[in-house]
Amino acid sequence: MDSNDSSNKIESDRHIPTIDSDSVNRAVERSSRDKNFISNAVQQLRGLKFPAYGSQIIDYLRKNSADDEVLALYLCLNDTMLYRDQYHVTKAFEQNNPSTKQENQITDQTRTNLDVPKVNPVHMRKDYPEVPATATKDYTCDLCGKTYQTPDDLVHHQEFESKGRSNSRNAKSENLSLDK
């Protein structure tokens, strides 16, 4: 064996975590105890242009020298999720908050005794078609009246028909000019 062969070497690297899990856990616990902590943390996003990804929010806070505990709270957000506005960020924090989850959860008693009002037919939505999207639709050719199941088939047919008609017109005009 050649001692210079690098394929036989085993190397290792020490990975240093970028997120301190203890500080993130402390920040989440504080957010569950102190309701103002979340609102104060979200207020630090003033000036950030939304929509923004979680990683962009963290970069913005680091540039604006946010408090370490606030930054730790933001580290619990999903980096790849696109947040629309400050309200969306607040709701994301509340989803991670066990006490808020409990407040918004439906109880078993409510679930079994649902009191749902009847829908008034006057308030029915009219902004969507009544036909489901999966229903078949016929596309009709304006030139000959044939029906097709897809718009692509109709376009292909119309191109074919228009070429055929233009060729027959050219042939007729040539015949007329020859007759003269």
Protein backbone atom coordinates (compact mmCIF):
# COMPACT_ATOMS: atom_id res chain seq x y z
CA MET A 1 0.00 0.00 0.00
CA ASP A 2 1.13 3.47 -0.76
CA SER A 3 1.40 5.71 2.32
CA ASN A 4 0.44 8.77 0.23
CA ASP A 5 -2.94 7.27 -0.68
CA SER A 6 -5.51 9.66 0.82
CA SER A 7 -8.48 7.33 0.32
CA ASN A 8 -7.40 5.24 3.32
CA LYS A 9 -7.43 8.17 5.74
CA ILE A 10 -10.23 8.78 8.17
CA GLU A 11 -10.66 12.37 9.20
CA SER A 12 -12.95 14.08 11.65
CA ASP A 13 -14.01 17.62 12.37
CA ARG A 14 -15.49 19.08 15.49
CA HIS A 15 -18.87 20.62 14.91
CA ILE A 16 -19.59 23.65 17.04
CA PRO A 17 -23.35 24.33 17.20
CA THR A 18 -24.42 27.80 16.16
CA ILE A 19 -27.53 27.68 18.34
CA ASP A 20 -27.36 27.43 22.10
CA SER A 21 -30.32 25.16 22.89
CA ASP A 22 -30.38 26.17 26.57
CA SER A 23 -30.85 29.85 25.72
CA VAL A 24 -33.55 29.00 23.15
CA ASN A 25 -35.40 26.90 25.74
CA ARG A 26 -35.14 29.71 28.32
CA ALA A 27 -36.51 32.21 25.79
CA VAL A 28 -39.46 29.94 24.92
CA GLU A 29 -40.20 29.42 28.63
CA ARG A 30 -40.10 33.18 29.23
CA SER A 31 -42.47 33.74 26.32
CA SER A 32 -44.96 31.35 27.92
CA ARG A 33 -44.74 33.17 31.28
CA ASP A 34 -44.49 36.78 30.08
CA LYS A 35 -47.03 37.78 27.42
CA ASN A 36 -45.26 41.09 26.82
CA PHE A 37 -42.03 39.33 25.90
CA ILE A 38 -43.44 38.15 22.54
CA SER A 39 -44.95 41.54 21.71
CA ASN A 40 -41.69 43.31 22.62
CA ALA A 41 -39.71 40.82 20.52
CA VAL A 42 -42.01 41.36 17.53
CA GLN A 43 -41.78 45.15 17.93
CA GLN A 44 -38.05 44.87 17.22
CA LEU A 45 -38.95 43.90 13.66
CA ARG A 46 -40.09 47.44 12.84
CA GLY A 47 -38.25 48.47 9.71
CA LEU A 48 -37.92 44.95 8.30
CA LYS A 49 -39.46 44.55 4.87
CA PHE A 50 -41.91 41.66 4.75
CA PRO A 51 -42.39 38.98 3.49
CA ALA A 52 -39.18 37.62 4.98
CA TYR A 53 -37.76 34.19 5.70
CA GLY A 54 -36.81 33.21 9.24
CA SER A 55 -33.12 33.44 8.39
CA GLN A 56 -33.60 36.98 7.04
CA ILE A 57 -35.37 37.97 10.26
CA ILE A 58 -32.47 36.64 12.35
CA ASP A 59 -29.94 38.47 10.16
CA TYR A 60 -31.94 41.69 10.56
CA LEU A 61 -32.01 41.31 14.35
CA ARG A 62 -28.28 40.59 14.50
CA LYS A 63 -27.55 43.74 12.46
CA ASN A 64 -29.74 45.81 14.76
CA SER A 65 -28.04 44.31 17.85
CA ALA A 66 -31.08 42.70 19.40
CA ASP A 67 -31.05 41.35 22.94
CA ASP A 68 -29.57 37.83 23.23
CA GLU A 69 -32.76 36.44 24.74
CA VAL A 70 -34.88 37.94 21.96
CA LEU A 71 -32.50 36.54 19.38
CA ALA A 72 -32.73 33.13 21.05
CA LEU A 73 -36.53 33.30 20.78
CA TYR A 74 -36.27 33.98 17.04
CA LEU A 75 -33.94 31.03 16.63
CA CYS A 76 -36.87 28.71 17.36
CA LEU A 77 -38.57 29.92 14.15
CA ASN A 78 -38.34 27.88 10.97
CA ASP A 79 -35.59 29.38 8.77
CA THR A 80 -37.16 28.25 5.51
CA MET A 81 -40.67 29.54 6.20
CA LEU A 82 -41.78 32.81 4.62
CA TYR A 83 -43.40 35.12 7.17
CA ARG A 84 -45.88 37.60 5.68
CA ASP A 85 -45.86 40.22 8.45
CA GLN A 86 -45.36 40.82 12.17
CA TYR A 87 -48.73 39.23 12.97
CA HIS A 88 -47.63 36.02 11.22
CA VAL A 89 -44.43 35.96 13.33
CA THR A 90 -46.49 36.50 16.50
CA LYS A 91 -48.73 33.56 15.60
CA ALA A 92 -45.67 31.38 14.97
CA PHE A 93 -44.40 32.19 18.47
CA GLU A 94 -47.80 31.44 19.97
CA GLN A 95 -47.84 28.04 18.28
CA ASN A 96 -44.59 27.21 20.08
CA ASN A 97 -46.04 28.45 23.36
CA PRO A 98 -47.72 25.64 25.38
CA SER A 99 -49.94 27.96 27.46
CA THR A 100 -51.31 29.72 24.36
CA LYS A 101 -51.96 26.38 22.71
CA GLN A 102 -54.01 25.37 25.73
CA GLU A 103 -56.07 28.60 25.62
CA ASN A 104 -56.97 28.13 21.94
CA GLN A 105 -57.69 24.41 22.09
CA ILE A 106 -61.24 23.12 21.80
CA THR A 107 -62.42 21.20 24.85
CA ASP A 108 -64.06 17.77 24.77
CA GLN A 109 -67.30 19.26 26.10
CA THR A 110 -67.40 21.83 23.29
CA ARG A 111 -66.52 19.19 20.73
CA THR A 112 -69.45 16.96 21.73
CA ASN A 113 -71.95 19.84 22.11
CA LEU A 114 -71.22 21.88 19.03
CA ASP A 115 -73.56 24.82 18.60
CA VAL A 116 -73.07 25.68 14.95
CA PRO A 117 -75.52 28.17 13.44
CA LYS A 118 -77.18 27.22 10.18
CA VAL A 119 -75.75 28.82 7.10
CA ASN A 120 -77.91 31.54 5.63
CA PRO A 121 -78.30 30.86 1.87
CA VAL A 122 -78.09 34.61 1.22
CA HIS A 123 -74.51 34.55 2.47
CA MET A 124 -73.39 31.79 0.11
CA ARG A 125 -70.20 32.56 -1.78
CA LYS A 126 -70.55 33.31 -5.46
CA ASP A 127 -66.91 34.00 -6.30
CA TYR A 128 -66.04 30.44 -7.32
CA PRO A 129 -67.52 28.20 -10.02
CA GLU A 130 -70.13 25.64 -9.04
CA VAL A 131 -68.51 23.02 -11.26
CA PRO A 132 -65.63 21.19 -9.56
CA ALA A 133 -62.19 21.53 -11.11
CA THR A 134 -62.08 17.80 -11.81
CA ALA A 135 -65.20 17.89 -14.01
CA THR A 136 -64.62 17.39 -17.71
CA LYS A 137 -65.06 20.40 -19.94
CA ASP A 138 -65.56 20.50 -23.68
CA TYR A 139 -63.63 23.07 -25.72
CA THR A 140 -65.44 23.87 -28.97
CA CYS A 141 -63.76 25.02 -32.16
CA ASP A 142 -65.21 28.28 -33.52
CA LEU A 143 -64.30 27.31 -37.08
CA CYS A 144 -65.93 23.89 -37.41
CA GLY A 145 -67.82 23.19 -34.15
CA LYS A 146 -65.85 20.09 -33.11
CA THR A 147 -65.36 19.56 -29.36
CA TYR A 148 -62.10 18.72 -27.59
CA GLN A 149 -61.33 17.76 -23.99
CA THR A 150 -58.21 19.87 -23.50
CA PRO A 151 -57.40 23.43 -24.57
CA ASP A 152 -54.14 22.18 -26.08
CA ASP A 153 -56.02 19.84 -28.41
CA LEU A 154 -58.28 22.71 -29.46
CA VAL A 155 -55.34 25.03 -30.18
CA HIS A 156 -53.59 22.30 -32.17
CA HIS A 157 -56.77 21.70 -34.17
CA GLN A 158 -57.32 25.42 -34.81
CA GLU A 159 -53.75 25.82 -36.05
CA PHE A 160 -54.26 22.89 -38.37
CA GLU A 161 -57.62 24.24 -39.59
CA SER A 162 -56.28 27.76 -40.16
CA LYS A 163 -53.33 26.37 -42.18
CA GLY A 164 -55.67 24.21 -44.22
CA ARG A 165 -57.99 27.11 -44.95
CA SER A 166 -55.15 29.46 -45.88
CA ASN A 167 -53.73 26.78 -48.24
CA SER A 168 -57.13 26.25 -49.90
CA ARG A 169 -57.58 30.05 -50.29
CA ASN A 170 -54.13 30.31 -51.88
CA ALA A 171 -54.96 27.46 -54.25
CA LYS A 172 -58.30 29.07 -55.21
CA SER A 173 -56.66 32.48 -55.81
CA GLU A 174 -53.99 30.80 -57.98
CA ASN A 175 -56.69 29.03 -59.99
CA LEU A 176 -58.56 32.31 -60.44
CA SER A 177 -55.41 34.09 -61.64
CA LEU A 178 -54.66 31.25 -64.07
CA ASP A 179 -58.18 31.40 -65.51
CA LYS A 180 -57.80 35.06 -66.37
